[in-house]
Structure formats: C-alpha cells, structure tokens
Amino acid sequence: MRFRPEPAHQHGQPARTGVLLCNLGTPDEPTAAATRRYLAEFLSDPRVVEIPPAA
C-alpha cells in the first residue's frame, strides 16, 4: 500500500490541527499472551504505524 506524499509547506498559511480518534480493537482476552498477539498484529500494520518493521 502506498501513501500519498504530504504537500509542500507554504509559508503564510494559517496553522491547521486535526484529531483523529479510532477504535482499533482490543485483545481477545485479558491475558499476557492475547495482549502480545494483539500488539504484534497492531504494531505490524503499516496503516497504523508508519515506520519500518523491527528486525
């Protein structure tokens, strides 16, 4: 999946702030193993975290 690049900043434009709230789910159970699985899936999703995956 490719993301569009951010437009070039233009000086003299008023600052804009946006807030996006999303519910991305929860672990299946309140256990360490379920939380570990949830975080592994959540943090490896490039739509959520736009950084290179850990090696």
PDB file of N, CA and C in Angstrom:
ATOM      1  N   MET A   1       0.849  -1.167   0.000  1.00  0.00           N
ATOM      2  CA  MET A   1       0.000   0.000   0.000  1.00  0.00           C
ATOM      3  C   MET A   1       0.898   1.233   0.000  1.00  0.00           C
ATOM      4  N   ARG A   2       0.592   2.168  -0.851  1.00  0.00           N
ATOM      5  CA  ARG A   2       1.367   3.408  -0.921  1.00  0.00           C
ATOM      6  C   ARG A   2       0.526   4.553  -0.365  1.00  0.00           C
ATOM      7  N   PHE A   3       1.198   5.454   0.318  1.00  0.00           N
ATOM      8  CA  PHE A   3       0.547   6.635   0.856  1.00  0.00           C
ATOM      9  C   PHE A   3       0.922   7.836   0.007  1.00  0.00           C
ATOM     10  N   ARG A   4       0.006   8.766  -0.136  1.00  0.00           N
ATOM     11  CA  ARG A   4       0.322   9.977  -0.873  1.00  0.00           C
ATOM     12  C   ARG A   4       1.303  10.813  -0.081  1.00  0.00           C
ATOM     13  N   PRO A   5       2.270  11.455  -0.757  1.00  0.00           N
ATOM     14  CA  PRO A   5       3.216  12.300  -0.018  1.00  0.00           C
ATOM     15  C   PRO A   5       2.511  13.534   0.522  1.00  0.00           C
ATOM     16  N   GLU A   6       3.069  14.089   1.587  1.00  0.00           N
ATOM     17  CA  GLU A   6       2.499  15.305   2.145  1.00  0.00           C
ATOM     18  C   GLU A   6       2.808  16.469   1.213  1.00  0.00           C
ATOM     19  N   PRO A   7       1.867  17.395   1.063  1.00  0.00           N
ATOM     20  CA  PRO A   7       2.138  18.546   0.201  1.00  0.00           C
ATOM     21  C   PRO A   7       3.213  19.432   0.824  1.00  0.00           C
ATOM     22  N   ALA A   8       3.897  20.181  -0.030  1.00  0.00           N
ATOM     23  CA  ALA A   8       4.935  21.087   0.456  1.00  0.00           C
ATOM     24  C   ALA A   8       4.298  22.154   1.345  1.00  0.00           C
ATOM     25  N   HIS A   9       5.013  22.522   2.399  1.00  0.00           N
ATOM     26  CA  HIS A   9       4.526  23.557   3.316  1.00  0.00           C
ATOM     27  C   HIS A   9       4.596  24.912   2.632  1.00  0.00           C
ATOM     28  N   GLN A  10       3.552  25.688   2.759  1.00  0.00           N
ATOM     29  CA  GLN A  10       3.536  27.028   2.188  1.00  0.00           C
ATOM     30  C   GLN A  10       3.491  28.030   3.330  1.00  0.00           C
ATOM     31  N   HIS A  11       4.490  28.882   3.404  1.00  0.00           N
ATOM     32  CA  HIS A  11       4.543  29.895   4.453  1.00  0.00           C
ATOM     33  C   HIS A  11       3.404  30.887   4.274  1.00  0.00           C
ATOM     34  N   GLY A  12       2.935  31.416   5.388  1.00  0.00           N
ATOM     35  CA  GLY A  12       1.849  32.383   5.341  1.00  0.00           C
ATOM     36  C   GLY A  12       0.478  31.751   5.455  1.00  0.00           C
ATOM     37  N   GLN A  13       0.413  30.433   5.461  1.00  0.00           N
ATOM     38  CA  GLN A  13      -0.858  29.732   5.616  1.00  0.00           C
ATOM     39  C   GLN A  13      -1.173  29.598   7.107  1.00  0.00           C
ATOM     40  N   PRO A  14      -2.425  29.726   7.508  1.00  0.00           N
ATOM     41  CA  PRO A  14      -2.755  29.515   8.927  1.00  0.00           C
ATOM     42  C   PRO A  14      -2.512  28.055   9.318  1.00  0.00           C
ATOM     43  N   ALA A  15      -2.074  27.861  10.538  1.00  0.00           N
ATOM     44  CA  ALA A  15      -1.824  26.500  11.036  1.00  0.00           C
ATOM     45  C   ALA A  15      -3.148  25.757  11.165  1.00  0.00           C
ATOM     46  N   ARG A  16      -3.121  24.470  10.850  1.00  0.00           N
ATOM     47  CA  ARG A  16      -4.308  23.640  10.984  1.00  0.00           C
ATOM     48  C   ARG A  16      -3.967  22.459  11.880  1.00  0.00           C
ATOM     49  N   THR A  17      -4.895  22.077  12.699  1.00  0.00           N
ATOM     50  CA  THR A  17      -4.714  20.939  13.586  1.00  0.00           C
ATOM     51  C   THR A  17      -5.875  19.979  13.385  1.00  0.00           C
ATOM     52  N   GLY A  18      -5.556  18.709  13.275  1.00  0.00           N
ATOM     53  CA  GLY A  18      -6.599  17.703  13.140  1.00  0.00           C
ATOM     54  C   GLY A  18      -6.424  16.622  14.193  1.00  0.00           C
ATOM     55  N   VAL A  19      -7.524  16.071  14.638  1.00  0.00           N
ATOM     56  CA  VAL A  19      -7.505  14.985  15.614  1.00  0.00           C
ATOM     57  C   VAL A  19      -8.353  13.851  15.048  1.00  0.00           C
ATOM     58  N   LEU A  20      -7.777  12.668  15.021  1.00  0.00           N
ATOM     59  CA  LEU A  20      -8.485  11.504  14.519  1.00  0.00           C
ATOM     60  C   LEU A  20      -8.529  10.459  15.628  1.00  0.00           C
ATOM     61  N   LEU A  21      -9.712  10.082  16.026  1.00  0.00           N
ATOM     62  CA  LEU A  21      -9.883   9.058  17.051  1.00  0.00           C
ATOM     63  C   LEU A  21     -10.414   7.792  16.382  1.00  0.00           C
ATOM     64  N   CYS A  22      -9.745   6.680  16.631  1.00  0.00           N
ATOM     65  CA  CYS A  22     -10.141   5.411  16.021  1.00  0.00           C
ATOM     66  C   CYS A  22     -10.149   4.319  17.072  1.00  0.00           C
ATOM     67  N   ASN A  23     -11.081   3.415  16.951  1.00  0.00           N
ATOM     68  CA  ASN A  23     -11.092   2.233  17.786  1.00  0.00           C
ATOM     69  C   ASN A  23     -10.504   1.110  16.948  1.00  0.00           C
ATOM     70  N   LEU A  24      -9.305   0.679  17.301  1.00  0.00           N
ATOM     71  CA  LEU A  24      -8.622  -0.340  16.523  1.00  0.00           C
ATOM     72  C   LEU A  24      -8.721  -1.720  17.156  1.00  0.00           C
ATOM     73  N   GLY A  25      -9.641  -1.877  18.066  1.00  0.00           N
ATOM     74  CA  GLY A  25      -9.872  -3.179  18.660  1.00  0.00           C
ATOM     75  C   GLY A  25      -9.187  -3.363  19.994  1.00  0.00           C
ATOM     76  N   THR A  26      -9.330  -4.545  20.530  1.00  0.00           N
ATOM     77  CA  THR A  26      -8.738  -4.916  21.812  1.00  0.00           C
ATOM     78  C   THR A  26      -8.303  -6.372  21.724  1.00  0.00           C
ATOM     79  N   PRO A  27      -7.458  -6.804  22.661  1.00  0.00           N
ATOM     80  CA  PRO A  27      -7.081  -8.223  22.687  1.00  0.00           C
ATOM     81  C   PRO A  27      -8.310  -9.112  22.902  1.00  0.00           C
ATOM     82  N   ASP A  28      -8.194 -10.371  22.493  1.00  0.00           N
ATOM     83  CA  ASP A  28      -9.301 -11.318  22.639  1.00  0.00           C
ATOM     84  C   ASP A  28      -9.604 -11.640  24.096  1.00  0.00           C
ATOM     85  N   GLU A  29      -8.580 -11.651  24.922  1.00  0.00           N
ATOM     86  CA  GLU A  29      -8.726 -11.977  26.346  1.00  0.00           C
ATOM     87  C   GLU A  29      -7.816 -11.062  27.150  1.00  0.00           C
ATOM     88  N   PRO A  30      -8.086 -10.882  28.433  1.00  0.00           N
ATOM     89  CA  PRO A  30      -7.209 -10.057  29.274  1.00  0.00           C
ATOM     90  C   PRO A  30      -6.018 -10.857  29.818  1.00  0.00           C
ATOM     91  N   THR A  31      -5.277 -11.492  28.901  1.00  0.00           N
ATOM     92  CA  THR A  31      -4.106 -12.264  29.303  1.00  0.00           C
ATOM     93  C   THR A  31      -2.873 -11.713  28.600  1.00  0.00           C
ATOM     94  N   ALA A  32      -1.718 -12.045  29.131  1.00  0.00           N
ATOM     95  CA  ALA A  32      -0.471 -11.582  28.519  1.00  0.00           C
ATOM     96  C   ALA A  32      -0.312 -12.129  27.100  1.00  0.00           C
ATOM     97  N   ALA A  33      -0.642 -13.384  26.889  1.00  0.00           N
ATOM     98  CA  ALA A  33      -0.497 -13.992  25.559  1.00  0.00           C
ATOM     99  C   ALA A  33      -1.414 -13.319  24.535  1.00  0.00           C
ATOM    100  N   ALA A  34      -2.656 -13.066  24.904  1.00  0.00           N
ATOM    101  CA  ALA A  34      -3.600 -12.415  23.991  1.00  0.00           C
ATOM    102  C   ALA A  34      -3.169 -10.979  23.699  1.00  0.00           C
ATOM    103  N   THR A  35      -2.674 -10.303  24.714  1.00  0.00           N
ATOM    104  CA  THR A  35      -2.194  -8.930  24.524  1.00  0.00           C
ATOM    105  C   THR A  35      -0.972  -8.920  23.615  1.00  0.00           C
ATOM    106  N   ARG A  36      -0.091  -9.884  23.786  1.00  0.00           N
ATOM    107  CA  ARG A  36       1.102  -9.992  22.938  1.00  0.00           C
ATOM    108  C   ARG A  36       0.697 -10.200  21.465  1.00  0.00           C
ATOM    109  N   ARG A  37      -0.266 -11.102  21.222  1.00  0.00           N
ATOM    110  CA  ARG A  37      -0.751 -11.341  19.851  1.00  0.00           C
ATOM    111  C   ARG A  37      -1.369 -10.074  19.262  1.00  0.00           C
ATOM    112  N   TYR A  38      -2.193  -9.403  20.059  1.00  0.00           N
ATOM    113  CA  TYR A  38      -2.849  -8.178  19.600  1.00  0.00           C
ATOM    114  C   TYR A  38      -1.814  -7.114  19.244  1.00  0.00           C
ATOM    115  N   LEU A  39      -0.834  -6.881  20.105  1.00  0.00           N
ATOM    116  CA  LEU A  39       0.178  -5.859  19.848  1.00  0.00           C
ATOM    117  C   LEU A  39       1.048  -6.214  18.650  1.00  0.00           C
ATOM    118  N   ALA A  40       1.348  -7.492  18.469  1.00  0.00           N
ATOM    119  CA  ALA A  40       2.148  -7.905  17.318  1.00  0.00           C
ATOM    120  C   ALA A  40       1.410  -7.577  16.020  1.00  0.00           C
ATOM    121  N   GLU A  41       0.108  -7.853  15.983  1.00  0.00           N
ATOM    122  CA  GLU A  41      -0.681  -7.547  14.788  1.00  0.00           C
ATOM    123  C   GLU A  41      -0.845  -6.035  14.622  1.00  0.00           C
ATOM    124  N   PHE A  42      -1.161  -5.349  15.704  1.00  0.00           N
ATOM    125  CA  PHE A  42      -1.383  -3.903  15.673  1.00  0.00           C
ATOM    126  C   PHE A  42      -0.135  -3.148  15.230  1.00  0.00           C
ATOM    127  N   LEU A  43       1.010  -3.470  15.810  1.00  0.00           N
ATOM    128  CA  LEU A  43       2.239  -2.730  15.523  1.00  0.00           C
ATOM    129  C   LEU A  43       2.867  -3.106  14.187  1.00  0.00           C
ATOM    130  N   SER A  44       2.453  -4.218  13.588  1.00  0.00           N
ATOM    131  CA  SER A  44       2.997  -4.596  12.286  1.00  0.00           C
ATOM    132  C   SER A  44       2.125  -4.097  11.135  1.00  0.00           C
ATOM    133  N   ASP A  45       1.007  -3.452  11.440  1.00  0.00           N
ATOM    134  CA  ASP A  45       0.110  -2.948  10.408  1.00  0.00           C
ATOM    135  C   ASP A  45       0.609  -1.594   9.910  1.00  0.00           C
ATOM    136  N   PRO A  46       1.028  -1.487   8.640  1.00  0.00           N
ATOM    137  CA  PRO A  46       1.573  -0.217   8.142  1.00  0.00           C
ATOM    138  C   PRO A  46       0.535   0.902   8.079  1.00  0.00           C
ATOM    139  N   ARG A  47      -0.743   0.560   8.160  1.00  0.00           N
ATOM    140  CA  ARG A  47      -1.763   1.606   8.166  1.00  0.00           C
ATOM    141  C   ARG A  47      -1.865   2.255   9.533  1.00  0.00           C
ATOM    142  N   VAL A  48      -1.308   1.606  10.566  1.00  0.00           N
ATOM    143  CA  VAL A  48      -1.371   2.121  11.929  1.00  0.00           C
ATOM    144  C   VAL A  48      -0.070   2.807  12.300  1.00  0.00           C
ATOM    145  N   VAL A  49       1.044   2.130  12.061  1.00  0.00           N
ATOM    146  CA  VAL A  49       2.359   2.648  12.417  1.00  0.00           C
ATOM    147  C   VAL A  49       3.201   2.741  11.153  1.00  0.00           C
ATOM    148  N   GLU A  50       3.552   3.945  10.759  1.00  0.00           N
ATOM    149  CA  GLU A  50       4.298   4.146   9.517  1.00  0.00           C
ATOM    150  C   GLU A  50       5.798   4.208   9.781  1.00  0.00           C
ATOM    151  N   ILE A  51       6.347   3.130  10.296  1.00  0.00           N
ATOM    152  CA  ILE A  51       7.790   3.016  10.498  1.00  0.00           C
ATOM    153  C   ILE A  51       8.224   1.651   9.983  1.00  0.00           C
ATOM    154  N   PRO A  52       9.513   1.486   9.667  1.00  0.00           N
ATOM    155  CA  PRO A  52       9.971   0.167   9.227  1.00  0.00           C
ATOM    156  C   PRO A  52       9.750  -0.868  10.332  1.00  0.00           C
ATOM    157  N   PRO A  53       9.414  -2.091   9.969  1.00  0.00           N
ATOM    158  CA  PRO A  53       9.200  -3.128  10.982  1.00  0.00           C
ATOM    159  C   PRO A  53      10.521  -3.454  11.698  1.00  0.00           C
ATOM    160  N   ALA A  54      10.416  -3.886  12.924  1.00  0.00           N
ATOM    161  CA  ALA A  54      11.589  -4.278  13.699  1.00  0.00           C
ATOM    162  C   ALA A  54      12.217  -5.529  13.080  1.00  0.00           C
ATOM    163  N   ALA A  55      13.512  -5.579  13.113  1.00  0.00           N
ATOM    164  CA  ALA A  55      14.217  -6.728  12.512  1.00  0.00           C
ATOM    165  C   ALA A  55      14.291  -7.895  13.456  1.00  0.00           C
TER     166      ALA A  55
END
